[in-house]
Amino acid sequence: MSIREELAHTTLALTSAESKIVQVLLADYPMSGLGTASRLAKAAGVSDPTVMRLMVKLGYGGFAAFQAKLLAEIESRLHSPLLMMEAKRPANSSEGTVNDYFHSVSDSLERTRTAVPSQSYGRAARMLLDCKGQVVLLGGRFSRHIASMLAGYLVQFRPSVHDIGALAPTDFDLLIDLGKRDLLVVFDYRRYQSDVVNFARQARERGVGILLFTDPWLSPISEHADLTLIAAIEANSPFDTLATAVVQMETVFAHALESEGQTVRKRIEDIEGIRRANGVTLDASDFVNPGRSAAAGDPAKWAAPFVRGKPKST
């Protein structure tokens, strides 16, 4: 297992400061580990001794031992036949634009998988579920649609979910009712929007917790975030892909579903009942008996798609 995979999937109980170091290492791997321990500490916003303690916790004698293994890993990769074959592959692939694009997104998805420690997804799920106040969701011109998707999922788990949508000047008034009990979830990818950044900064000044989804170049909001989840967004296109951001968001929700599915089952059943009573969705029975009343049926069947608290389909 590579150092990158070890960092991304460690089962060690990391402190908040140690998690920040791991996040920095993964965000620009392997370059972030090739400088000094002090430089790494500064990038993560922690003290030098914290870096040393983390290295010992990870099983290294110190930062020098960690760096020696990292350099050996890099040297090994540079001499890998597979890597050389990839480097010498002709730029104009015979697979065509469609397959090339799919491959580029797949590569970014793999980089996203290894860029964030597995523990961070659990922390993100807990932030969403344990928030005692409002969970407010916000995003940029395109990423706000991912925020809306998360809001659609999250409302099935808890009350007090507010999706801002397209941020308007009047939406800044919402800040007056936000405080330490609340959580702001922000999706912000390059090019970062000044209004989104300003809203997050002012929310932080009011004590609001912040969960940030961003790219490896880090939105300015990362300076204020309690937890930052990074997704690789490069693709064979003039436009960045947000497919990786969607998968990352769904991963957080999958973790929440795994841990809290049984707890929220009654809420989901009630929501399904309301939807069916108002003819919001079409179920299999509607096609078999099209004349059947939308309000009829056994409430137990409304929850049938949920097995052990998990939906079979969306």
C-alpha atoms as a PDB file:
ATOM      1  CA  MET A   1       0.000   0.000   0.000  1.00  0.00           C
ATOM      2  CA  SER A   2       1.331   3.435  -0.933  1.00  0.00           C
ATOM      3  CA  ILE A   3       1.772   6.222   1.595  1.00  0.00           C
ATOM      4  CA  ARG A   4      -1.105   8.013  -0.085  1.00  0.00           C
ATOM      5  CA  GLU A   5      -3.434   5.063   0.438  1.00  0.00           C
ATOM      6  CA  GLU A   6      -2.236   4.653   4.027  1.00  0.00           C
ATOM      7  CA  LEU A   7      -3.058   8.287   4.761  1.00  0.00           C
ATOM      8  CA  ALA A   8      -6.423   8.172   3.009  1.00  0.00           C
ATOM      9  CA  HIS A   9      -7.617   5.012   4.731  1.00  0.00           C
ATOM     10  CA  THR A  10      -5.965   5.118   8.137  1.00  0.00           C
ATOM     11  CA  THR A  11      -8.016   3.706  10.981  1.00  0.00           C
ATOM     12  CA  LEU A  12      -6.101   5.700  13.571  1.00  0.00           C
ATOM     13  CA  ALA A  13      -8.018   8.182  15.694  1.00  0.00           C
ATOM     14  CA  LEU A  14      -6.675  11.505  14.472  1.00  0.00           C
ATOM     15  CA  THR A  15      -7.083  14.818  16.241  1.00  0.00           C
ATOM     16  CA  SER A  16      -8.476  17.789  14.333  1.00  0.00           C
ATOM     17  CA  ALA A  17      -4.948  19.207  13.902  1.00  0.00           C
ATOM     18  CA  GLU A  18      -3.595  15.864  12.688  1.00  0.00           C
ATOM     19  CA  SER A  19      -6.447  15.544  10.194  1.00  0.00           C
ATOM     20  CA  LYS A  20      -5.495  18.941   8.761  1.00  0.00           C
ATOM     21  CA  ILE A  21      -1.934  17.698   8.165  1.00  0.00           C
ATOM     22  CA  VAL A  22      -3.198  14.572   6.426  1.00  0.00           C
ATOM     23  CA  GLN A  23      -5.516  16.728   4.314  1.00  0.00           C
ATOM     24  CA  VAL A  24      -2.595  18.929   3.192  1.00  0.00           C
ATOM     25  CA  LEU A  25      -0.445  15.889   2.385  1.00  0.00           C
ATOM     26  CA  LEU A  26      -3.197  14.321   0.269  1.00  0.00           C
ATOM     27  CA  ALA A  27      -4.240  17.538  -1.472  1.00  0.00           C
ATOM     28  CA  ASP A  28      -0.894  17.915  -3.257  1.00  0.00           C
ATOM     29  CA  TYR A  29       0.594  14.456  -2.986  1.00  0.00           C
ATOM     30  CA  PRO A  30       3.536  13.775  -3.085  1.00  0.00           C
ATOM     31  CA  MET A  31       4.902  17.339  -3.361  1.00  0.00           C
ATOM     32  CA  SER A  32       3.406  18.455  -0.043  1.00  0.00           C
ATOM     33  CA  GLY A  33       5.576  15.947   1.800  1.00  0.00           C
ATOM     34  CA  LEU A  34       8.854  16.901   0.166  1.00  0.00           C
ATOM     35  CA  GLY A  35       9.426  20.192   1.986  1.00  0.00           C
ATOM     36  CA  THR A  36      10.380  20.712   5.592  1.00  0.00           C
ATOM     37  CA  ALA A  37       8.282  19.737   8.575  1.00  0.00           C
ATOM     38  CA  SER A  38       7.890  23.432   9.402  1.00  0.00           C
ATOM     39  CA  ARG A  39       6.552  24.183   5.924  1.00  0.00           C
ATOM     40  CA  LEU A  40       4.041  21.337   6.243  1.00  0.00           C
ATOM     41  CA  ALA A  41       2.985  22.585   9.663  1.00  0.00           C
ATOM     42  CA  LYS A  42       2.483  26.115   8.343  1.00  0.00           C
ATOM     43  CA  ALA A  43       0.422  24.893   5.368  1.00  0.00           C
ATOM     44  CA  ALA A  44      -1.833  22.943   7.728  1.00  0.00           C
ATOM     45  CA  GLY A  45      -2.032  25.755  10.279  1.00  0.00           C
ATOM     46  CA  VAL A  46      -0.619  23.629  13.098  1.00  0.00           C
ATOM     47  CA  SER A  47       2.551  23.567  15.198  1.00  0.00           C
ATOM     48  CA  ASP A  48       5.794  21.773  14.262  1.00  0.00           C
ATOM     49  CA  PRO A  49       5.501  19.340  17.203  1.00  0.00           C
ATOM     50  CA  THR A  50       2.057  18.293  15.937  1.00  0.00           C
ATOM     51  CA  VAL A  51       3.652  17.155  12.670  1.00  0.00           C
ATOM     52  CA  MET A  52       6.243  15.147  14.601  1.00  0.00           C
ATOM     53  CA  ARG A  53       3.603  13.509  16.784  1.00  0.00           C
ATOM     54  CA  LEU A  54       1.557  12.540  13.744  1.00  0.00           C
ATOM     55  CA  MET A  55       4.553  10.883  12.086  1.00  0.00           C
ATOM     56  CA  VAL A  56       5.204   8.805  15.185  1.00  0.00           C
ATOM     57  CA  LYS A  57       1.512   7.875  15.368  1.00  0.00           C
ATOM     58  CA  LEU A  58       1.651   6.750  11.723  1.00  0.00           C
ATOM     59  CA  GLY A  59       4.530   4.415  12.556  1.00  0.00           C
ATOM     60  CA  TYR A  60       7.537   6.440  11.420  1.00  0.00           C
ATOM     61  CA  GLY A  61      10.494   7.341  13.600  1.00  0.00           C
ATOM     62  CA  GLY A  62       9.952  10.972  12.688  1.00  0.00           C
ATOM     63  CA  PHE A  63       9.476  13.277   9.719  1.00  0.00           C
ATOM     64  CA  ALA A  64      12.827  12.270   8.195  1.00  0.00           C
ATOM     65  CA  ALA A  65      11.794   8.597   8.146  1.00  0.00           C
ATOM     66  CA  PHE A  66       8.459   9.489   6.568  1.00  0.00           C
ATOM     67  CA  GLN A  67      10.159  11.580   3.901  1.00  0.00           C
ATOM     68  CA  ALA A  68      12.716   8.850   3.152  1.00  0.00           C
ATOM     69  CA  LYS A  69       9.926   6.357   2.442  1.00  0.00           C
ATOM     70  CA  LEU A  70       8.108   8.946   0.335  1.00  0.00           C
ATOM     71  CA  LEU A  71      11.218   9.580  -1.785  1.00  0.00           C
ATOM     72  CA  ALA A  72      11.758   5.841  -2.239  1.00  0.00           C
ATOM     73  CA  GLU A  73       8.163   5.484  -3.398  1.00  0.00           C
ATOM     74  CA  ILE A  74       8.573   8.311  -5.918  1.00  0.00           C
ATOM     75  CA  GLU A  75      11.798   6.818  -7.275  1.00  0.00           C
ATOM     76  CA  SER A  76      10.112   3.457  -7.671  1.00  0.00           C
ATOM     77  CA  ARG A  77       7.244   4.984  -9.631  1.00  0.00           C
ATOM     78  CA  LEU A  78       9.601   6.859 -11.932  1.00  0.00           C
ATOM     79  CA  HIS A  79      11.135   3.538 -12.949  1.00  0.00           C
ATOM     80  CA  SER A  80       7.813   1.747 -13.329  1.00  0.00           C
ATOM     81  CA  PRO A  81       7.357   0.243 -16.846  1.00  0.00           C
ATOM     82  CA  LEU A  82       3.634   0.914 -16.593  1.00  0.00           C
ATOM     83  CA  LEU A  83       4.272   4.596 -15.871  1.00  0.00           C
ATOM     84  CA  MET A  84       6.734   4.854 -18.761  1.00  0.00           C
ATOM     85  CA  MET A  85       4.229   3.261 -21.129  1.00  0.00           C
ATOM     86  CA  GLU A  86       1.625   5.777 -20.015  1.00  0.00           C
ATOM     87  CA  ALA A  87       4.031   8.687 -20.427  1.00  0.00           C
ATOM     88  CA  LYS A  88       4.953   7.622 -23.971  1.00  0.00           C
ATOM     89  CA  ARG A  89       1.421   7.015 -25.149  1.00  0.00           C
ATOM     90  CA  PRO A  90       0.543   9.162 -28.190  1.00  0.00           C
ATOM     91  CA  ALA A  91      -1.394  12.308 -27.336  1.00  0.00           C
ATOM     92  CA  ASN A  92      -4.046  11.587 -29.980  1.00  0.00           C
ATOM     93  CA  SER A  93      -5.753   8.486 -28.653  1.00  0.00           C
ATOM     94  CA  SER A  94      -7.594   6.239 -31.080  1.00  0.00           C
ATOM     95  CA  GLU A  95     -10.380   5.799 -28.537  1.00  0.00           C
ATOM     96  CA  GLY A  96     -11.944   9.091 -29.486  1.00  0.00           C
ATOM     97  CA  THR A  97     -13.155  12.108 -27.581  1.00  0.00           C
ATOM     98  CA  VAL A  98     -15.943  10.350 -25.698  1.00  0.00           C
ATOM     99  CA  ASN A  99     -13.779   7.613 -24.207  1.00  0.00           C
ATOM    100  CA  ASP A 100     -10.932  10.028 -23.544  1.00  0.00           C
ATOM    101  CA  TYR A 101     -13.257  12.250 -21.568  1.00  0.00           C
ATOM    102  CA  PHE A 102     -14.687   9.340 -19.600  1.00  0.00           C
ATOM    103  CA  HIS A 103     -11.172   8.161 -18.779  1.00  0.00           C
ATOM    104  CA  SER A 104     -10.150  11.629 -17.615  1.00  0.00           C
ATOM    105  CA  VAL A 105     -13.155  11.854 -15.283  1.00  0.00           C
ATOM    106  CA  SER A 106     -12.435   8.342 -14.030  1.00  0.00           C
ATOM    107  CA  ASP A 107      -8.870   9.406 -13.230  1.00  0.00           C
ATOM    108  CA  SER A 108     -10.135  12.430 -11.318  1.00  0.00           C
ATOM    109  CA  LEU A 109     -12.567  10.206  -9.432  1.00  0.00           C
ATOM    110  CA  GLU A 110      -9.715   7.935  -8.354  1.00  0.00           C
ATOM    111  CA  ARG A 111      -7.654  10.920  -7.239  1.00  0.00           C
ATOM    112  CA  THR A 112     -10.652  12.152  -5.266  1.00  0.00           C
ATOM    113  CA  ARG A 113     -10.990   8.758  -3.586  1.00  0.00           C
ATOM    114  CA  THR A 114      -7.425   8.936  -2.285  1.00  0.00           C
ATOM    115  CA  ALA A 115      -7.321  12.678  -1.572  1.00  0.00           C
ATOM    116  CA  VAL A 116      -9.493  12.639   1.530  1.00  0.00           C
ATOM    117  CA  PRO A 117      -9.078  10.437   4.633  1.00  0.00           C
ATOM    118  CA  SER A 118     -11.974   8.019   5.064  1.00  0.00           C
ATOM    119  CA  GLN A 119     -12.528   9.415   8.556  1.00  0.00           C
ATOM    120  CA  SER A 120     -13.406  12.795   7.080  1.00  0.00           C
ATOM    121  CA  TYR A 121     -16.576  11.394   5.502  1.00  0.00           C
ATOM    122  CA  GLY A 122     -17.695  10.176   8.896  1.00  0.00           C
ATOM    123  CA  ARG A 123     -16.968  13.586  10.412  1.00  0.00           C
ATOM    124  CA  ALA A 124     -18.938  15.304   7.641  1.00  0.00           C
ATOM    125  CA  ALA A 125     -21.932  13.006   8.194  1.00  0.00           C
ATOM    126  CA  ARG A 126     -21.858  13.698  11.935  1.00  0.00           C
ATOM    127  CA  MET A 127     -21.714  17.451  11.343  1.00  0.00           C
ATOM    128  CA  LEU A 128     -24.834  17.229   9.180  1.00  0.00           C
ATOM    129  CA  LEU A 129     -26.789  14.983  11.530  1.00  0.00           C
ATOM    130  CA  ASP A 130     -25.693  16.371  14.897  1.00  0.00           C
ATOM    131  CA  CYS A 131     -26.276  20.049  14.100  1.00  0.00           C
ATOM    132  CA  LYS A 132     -28.766  21.373  16.669  1.00  0.00           C
ATOM    133  CA  GLY A 133     -29.839  24.375  14.613  1.00  0.00           C
ATOM    134  CA  GLN A 134     -30.268  25.017  10.900  1.00  0.00           C
ATOM    135  CA  VAL A 135     -28.272  23.338   8.142  1.00  0.00           C
ATOM    136  CA  VAL A 136     -27.904  25.949   5.389  1.00  0.00           C
ATOM    137  CA  LEU A 137     -26.630  24.909   1.963  1.00  0.00           C
ATOM    138  CA  LEU A 138     -24.906  27.194  -0.514  1.00  0.00           C
ATOM    139  CA  GLY A 139     -22.975  26.893  -3.779  1.00  0.00           C
ATOM    140  CA  GLY A 140     -21.728  28.757  -6.804  1.00  0.00           C
ATOM    141  CA  ARG A 141     -23.161  29.130 -10.304  1.00  0.00           C
ATOM    142  CA  PHE A 142     -22.941  25.398 -11.053  1.00  0.00           C
ATOM    143  CA  SER A 143     -22.081  23.839  -7.696  1.00  0.00           C
ATOM    144  CA  ARG A 144     -25.279  25.187  -6.082  1.00  0.00           C
ATOM    145  CA  HIS A 145     -27.083  22.384  -7.900  1.00  0.00           C
ATOM    146  CA  ILE A 146     -25.022  19.861  -5.912  1.00  0.00           C
ATOM    147  CA  ALA A 147     -25.943  21.752  -2.756  1.00  0.00           C
ATOM    148  CA  SER A 148     -29.606  21.397  -3.707  1.00  0.00           C
ATOM    149  CA  MET A 149     -29.163  17.667  -4.262  1.00  0.00           C
ATOM    150  CA  LEU A 150     -27.669  17.275  -0.792  1.00  0.00           C
ATOM    151  CA  ALA A 151     -30.533  19.322   0.651  1.00  0.00           C
ATOM    152  CA  GLY A 152     -32.998  16.949  -1.031  1.00  0.00           C
ATOM    153  CA  TYR A 153     -31.319  13.979   0.596  1.00  0.00           C
ATOM    154  CA  LEU A 154     -30.817  15.634   3.956  1.00  0.00           C
ATOM    155  CA  VAL A 155     -34.429  16.742   4.449  1.00  0.00           C
ATOM    156  CA  GLN A 156     -35.353  13.050   4.656  1.00  0.00           C
ATOM    157  CA  PHE A 157     -33.063  12.731   7.677  1.00  0.00           C
ATOM    158  CA  ARG A 158     -33.701  15.863   9.690  1.00  0.00           C
ATOM    159  CA  PRO A 159     -35.697  19.104   9.916  1.00  0.00           C
ATOM    160  CA  SER A 160     -34.362  22.659   9.584  1.00  0.00           C
ATOM    161  CA  VAL A 161     -32.652  22.235   6.208  1.00  0.00           C
ATOM    162  CA  HIS A 162     -32.472  25.414   4.134  1.00  0.00           C
ATOM    163  CA  ASP A 163     -31.188  25.453   0.551  1.00  0.00           C
ATOM    164  CA  ILE A 164     -30.329  29.027  -0.454  1.00  0.00           C
ATOM    165  CA  GLY A 165     -30.055  28.220  -4.161  1.00  0.00           C
ATOM    166  CA  ALA A 166     -28.823  31.105  -6.318  1.00  0.00           C
ATOM    167  CA  LEU A 167     -27.425  33.595  -3.814  1.00  0.00           C
ATOM    168  CA  ALA A 168     -29.134  36.993  -4.069  1.00  0.00           C
ATOM    169  CA  PRO A 169     -28.245  40.218  -2.202  1.00  0.00           C
ATOM    170  CA  THR A 170     -31.312  39.787  -0.006  1.00  0.00           C
ATOM    171  CA  ASP A 171     -30.095  36.356   1.100  1.00  0.00           C
ATOM    172  CA  PHE A 172     -27.396  38.017   3.193  1.00  0.00           C
ATOM    173  CA  ASP A 173     -30.224  38.946   5.573  1.00  0.00           C
ATOM    174  CA  LEU A 174     -30.314  35.256   6.545  1.00  0.00           C
ATOM    175  CA  LEU A 175     -27.100  35.807   8.477  1.00  0.00           C
ATOM    176  CA  ILE A 176     -29.000  37.631  11.217  1.00  0.00           C
ATOM    177  CA  ASP A 177     -30.620  34.358  12.341  1.00  0.00           C
ATOM    178  CA  LEU A 178     -27.495  32.192  12.135  1.00  0.00           C
ATOM    179  CA  GLY A 179     -25.197  31.397  15.043  1.00  0.00           C
ATOM    180  CA  LYS A 180     -23.162  28.772  16.881  1.00  0.00           C
ATOM    181  CA  ARG A 181     -25.881  26.106  16.725  1.00  0.00           C
ATOM    182  CA  ASP A 182     -26.048  26.258  12.926  1.00  0.00           C
ATOM    183  CA  LEU A 183     -24.028  24.708  10.095  1.00  0.00           C
ATOM    184  CA  LEU A 184     -23.253  26.179   6.677  1.00  0.00           C
ATOM    185  CA  VAL A 185     -22.451  23.658   3.929  1.00  0.00           C
ATOM    186  CA  VAL A 186     -20.684  25.272   0.983  1.00  0.00           C
ATOM    187  CA  PHE A 187     -19.747  23.913  -2.444  1.00  0.00           C
ATOM    188  CA  ASP A 188     -17.154  26.237  -3.987  1.00  0.00           C
ATOM    189  CA  TYR A 189     -14.865  25.327  -6.897  1.00  0.00           C
ATOM    190  CA  ARG A 190     -12.637  27.422  -9.136  1.00  0.00           C
ATOM    191  CA  ARG A 191     -13.439  30.077 -10.225  1.00  0.00           C
ATOM    192  CA  TYR A 192     -14.551  30.958  -6.733  1.00  0.00           C
ATOM    193  CA  GLN A 193     -17.470  33.366  -6.339  1.00  0.00           C
ATOM    194  CA  SER A 194     -16.882  36.449  -4.248  1.00  0.00           C
ATOM    195  CA  ASP A 195     -20.458  36.553  -2.917  1.00  0.00           C
ATOM    196  CA  VAL A 196     -20.297  32.916  -1.772  1.00  0.00           C
ATOM    197  CA  VAL A 197     -16.921  33.522  -0.105  1.00  0.00           C
ATOM    198  CA  ASN A 198     -18.224  36.678   1.601  1.00  0.00           C
ATOM    199  CA  PHE A 199     -21.353  34.921   2.882  1.00  0.00           C
ATOM    200  CA  ALA A 200     -19.269  32.097   4.358  1.00  0.00           C
ATOM    201  CA  ARG A 201     -16.777  34.506   5.939  1.00  0.00           C
ATOM    202  CA  GLN A 202     -19.544  36.521   7.599  1.00  0.00           C
ATOM    203  CA  ALA A 203     -21.297  33.353   8.756  1.00  0.00           C
ATOM    204  CA  ARG A 204     -18.068  32.245  10.405  1.00  0.00           C
ATOM    205  CA  GLU A 205     -17.775  35.596  12.160  1.00  0.00           C
ATOM    206  CA  ARG A 206     -21.165  34.831  13.712  1.00  0.00           C
ATOM    207  CA  GLY A 207     -19.899  31.475  15.006  1.00  0.00           C
ATOM    208  CA  VAL A 208     -21.532  29.275  12.357  1.00  0.00           C
ATOM    209  CA  GLY A 209     -19.814  25.937  11.687  1.00  0.00           C
ATOM    210  CA  ILE A 210     -18.693  25.400   8.090  1.00  0.00           C
ATOM    211  CA  LEU A 211     -18.421  22.203   6.039  1.00  0.00           C
ATOM    212  CA  LEU A 212     -16.677  22.966   2.729  1.00  0.00           C
ATOM    213  CA  PHE A 213     -16.569  20.969  -0.504  1.00  0.00           C
ATOM    214  CA  THR A 214     -13.885  22.364  -2.834  1.00  0.00           C
ATOM    215  CA  ASP A 215     -11.026  21.529  -5.230  1.00  0.00           C
ATOM    216  CA  PRO A 216      -7.275  20.949  -4.697  1.00  0.00           C
ATOM    217  CA  TRP A 217      -6.587  24.670  -5.141  1.00  0.00           C
ATOM    218  CA  LEU A 218      -8.796  25.393  -2.115  1.00  0.00           C
ATOM    219  CA  SER A 219     -11.501  28.021  -2.012  1.00  0.00           C
ATOM    220  CA  PRO A 220     -10.675  30.981   0.273  1.00  0.00           C
ATOM    221  CA  ILE A 221     -13.457  29.599   2.468  1.00  0.00           C
ATOM    222  CA  SER A 222     -11.056  26.834   3.552  1.00  0.00           C
ATOM    223  CA  GLU A 223      -9.468  29.371   5.939  1.00  0.00           C
ATOM    224  CA  HIS A 224     -12.739  29.448   7.878  1.00  0.00           C
ATOM    225  CA  ALA A 225     -13.985  25.842   7.457  1.00  0.00           C
ATOM    226  CA  ASP A 226     -14.169  23.285  10.259  1.00  0.00           C
ATOM    227  CA  LEU A 227     -13.823  20.494   7.692  1.00  0.00           C
ATOM    228  CA  THR A 228     -12.781  20.633   4.039  1.00  0.00           C
ATOM    229  CA  LEU A 229     -13.419  17.830   1.541  1.00  0.00           C
ATOM    230  CA  ILE A 230     -11.355  18.058  -1.635  1.00  0.00           C
ATOM    231  CA  ALA A 231     -12.383  16.677  -5.042  1.00  0.00           C
ATOM    232  CA  ALA A 232     -10.223  16.491  -8.167  1.00  0.00           C
ATOM    233  CA  ILE A 233     -12.136  18.252 -10.943  1.00  0.00           C
ATOM    234  CA  GLU A 234      -9.824  18.193 -13.967  1.00  0.00           C
ATOM    235  CA  ALA A 235     -11.075  16.599 -17.178  1.00  0.00           C
ATOM    236  CA  ASN A 236     -10.298  16.569 -20.905  1.00  0.00           C
ATOM    237  CA  SER A 237     -12.402  19.643 -21.470  1.00  0.00           C
ATOM    238  CA  PRO A 238     -12.137  23.428 -21.151  1.00  0.00           C
ATOM    239  CA  PHE A 239     -14.614  22.990 -18.275  1.00  0.00           C
ATOM    240  CA  ASP A 240     -13.901  21.277 -14.979  1.00  0.00           C
ATOM    241  CA  THR A 241     -16.008  18.240 -14.145  1.00  0.00           C
ATOM    242  CA  LEU A 242     -18.279  18.259 -11.110  1.00  0.00           C
ATOM    243  CA  ALA A 243     -19.026  14.540 -11.405  1.00  0.00           C
ATOM    244  CA  THR A 244     -16.437  13.889  -8.715  1.00  0.00           C
ATOM    245  CA  ALA A 245     -18.043  16.486  -6.452  1.00  0.00           C
ATOM    246  CA  VAL A 246     -21.423  14.770  -6.830  1.00  0.00           C
ATOM    247  CA  VAL A 247     -19.925  11.389  -5.958  1.00  0.00           C
ATOM    248  CA  GLN A 248     -18.181  12.885  -2.934  1.00  0.00           C
ATOM    249  CA  MET A 249     -21.415  14.468  -1.718  1.00  0.00           C
ATOM    250  CA  GLU A 250     -23.262  11.165  -2.197  1.00  0.00           C
ATOM    251  CA  THR A 251     -20.505   9.360  -0.292  1.00  0.00           C
ATOM    252  CA  VAL A 252     -21.112  11.588   2.719  1.00  0.00           C
ATOM    253  CA  PHE A 253     -24.821  10.838   2.540  1.00  0.00           C
ATOM    254  CA  ALA A 254     -24.169   7.108   2.112  1.00  0.00           C
ATOM    255  CA  HIS A 255     -22.152   7.220   5.325  1.00  0.00           C
ATOM    256  CA  ALA A 256     -25.013   9.011   7.075  1.00  0.00           C
ATOM    257  CA  LEU A 257     -27.471   6.427   5.753  1.00  0.00           C
ATOM    258  CA  GLU A 258     -25.298   3.578   6.997  1.00  0.00           C
ATOM    259  CA  SER A 259     -25.095   4.990  10.514  1.00  0.00           C
ATOM    260  CA  GLU A 260     -28.563   6.507  10.941  1.00  0.00           C
ATOM    261  CA  GLY A 261     -30.864   4.633   8.546  1.00  0.00           C
ATOM    262  CA  GLN A 262     -32.843   2.862  11.268  1.00  0.00           C
ATOM    263  CA  THR A 263     -33.133   6.004  13.394  1.00  0.00           C
ATOM    264  CA  VAL A 264     -34.761   8.062  10.652  1.00  0.00           C
ATOM    265  CA  ARG A 265     -36.928   5.277   9.211  1.00  0.00           C
ATOM    266  CA  LYS A 266     -40.150   6.706  10.693  1.00  0.00           C
ATOM    267  CA  ARG A 267     -39.420  10.146   9.211  1.00  0.00           C
ATOM    268  CA  ILE A 268     -38.801   8.651   5.769  1.00  0.00           C
ATOM    269  CA  GLU A 269     -41.985   6.587   5.975  1.00  0.00           C
ATOM    270  CA  ASP A 270     -43.983   9.705   6.857  1.00  0.00           C
ATOM    271  CA  ILE A 271     -42.466  11.623   3.947  1.00  0.00           C
ATOM    272  CA  GLU A 272     -43.304   8.778   1.572  1.00  0.00           C
ATOM    273  CA  GLY A 273     -46.849   8.762   2.883  1.00  0.00           C
ATOM    274  CA  ILE A 274     -47.254  12.492   2.279  1.00  0.00           C
ATOM    275  CA  ARG A 275     -45.853  12.159  -1.235  1.00  0.00           C
ATOM    276  CA  ARG A 276     -48.186   9.303  -2.089  1.00  0.00           C
ATOM    277  CA  ALA A 277     -51.228  11.056  -0.623  1.00  0.00           C
ATOM    278  CA  ASN A 278     -50.554  13.989  -2.909  1.00  0.00           C
ATOM    279  CA  GLY A 279     -49.676  11.988  -6.007  1.00  0.00           C
ATOM    280  CA  VAL A 280     -46.121  13.302  -6.023  1.00  0.00           C
ATOM    281  CA  THR A 281     -44.511  10.082  -7.226  1.00  0.00           C
ATOM    282  CA  LEU A 282     -45.534   7.065  -9.293  1.00  0.00           C
ATOM    283  CA  ASP A 283     -44.985   3.633  -7.787  1.00  0.00           C
ATOM    284  CA  ALA A 284     -45.173   0.197  -9.403  1.00  0.00           C
ATOM    285  CA  SER A 285     -48.750  -0.248  -8.146  1.00  0.00           C
ATOM    286  CA  ASP A 286     -49.801   2.853 -10.069  1.00  0.00           C
ATOM    287  CA  PHE A 287     -48.899   1.147 -13.332  1.00  0.00           C
ATOM    288  CA  VAL A 288     -50.570  -2.129 -12.363  1.00  0.00           C
ATOM    289  CA  ASN A 289     -53.751  -0.402 -11.098  1.00  0.00           C
ATOM    290  CA  PRO A 290     -53.801   3.025 -12.780  1.00  0.00           C
ATOM    291  CA  GLY A 291     -57.286   3.766 -11.446  1.00  0.00           C
ATOM    292  CA  ARG A 292     -56.293   3.242  -7.839  1.00  0.00           C
ATOM    293  CA  SER A 293     -56.561   6.247  -5.537  1.00  0.00           C
ATOM    294  CA  ALA A 294     -53.249   7.925  -4.807  1.00  0.00           C
ATOM    295  CA  ALA A 295     -54.204   8.113  -1.144  1.00  0.00           C
ATOM    296  CA  ALA A 296     -55.084   4.412  -0.875  1.00  0.00           C
ATOM    297  CA  GLY A 297     -52.828   1.643   0.281  1.00  0.00           C
ATOM    298  CA  ASP A 298     -51.006   0.323   3.274  1.00  0.00           C
ATOM    299  CA  PRO A 299     -48.497   2.757   4.833  1.00  0.00           C
ATOM    300  CA  ALA A 300     -46.240  -0.219   5.484  1.00  0.00           C
ATOM    301  CA  LYS A 301     -45.899  -0.656   1.726  1.00  0.00           C
ATOM    302  CA  TRP A 302     -44.782   2.948   1.341  1.00  0.00           C
ATOM    303  CA  ALA A 303     -41.663   2.012   3.306  1.00  0.00           C
ATOM    304  CA  ALA A 304     -41.136  -1.234   1.367  1.00  0.00           C
ATOM    305  CA  PRO A 305     -38.245   0.195  -0.694  1.00  0.00           C
ATOM    306  CA  PHE A 306     -36.342   0.617   2.568  1.00  0.00           C
ATOM    307  CA  VAL A 307     -34.506  -2.448   3.805  1.00  0.00           C
ATOM    308  CA  ARG A 308     -32.633  -2.107   7.096  1.00  0.00           C
ATOM    309  CA  GLY A 309     -33.234   1.633   6.773  1.00  0.00           C
ATOM    310  CA  LYS A 310     -31.600   1.861   3.334  1.00  0.00           C
ATOM    311  CA  PRO A 311     -33.445   2.823   0.116  1.00  0.00           C
ATOM    312  CA  LYS A 312     -33.186   0.356  -2.745  1.00  0.00           C
ATOM    313  CA  SER A 313     -33.534   3.106  -5.288  1.00  0.00           C
ATOM    314  CA  THR A 314     -34.027   6.838  -5.569  1.00  0.00           C
END
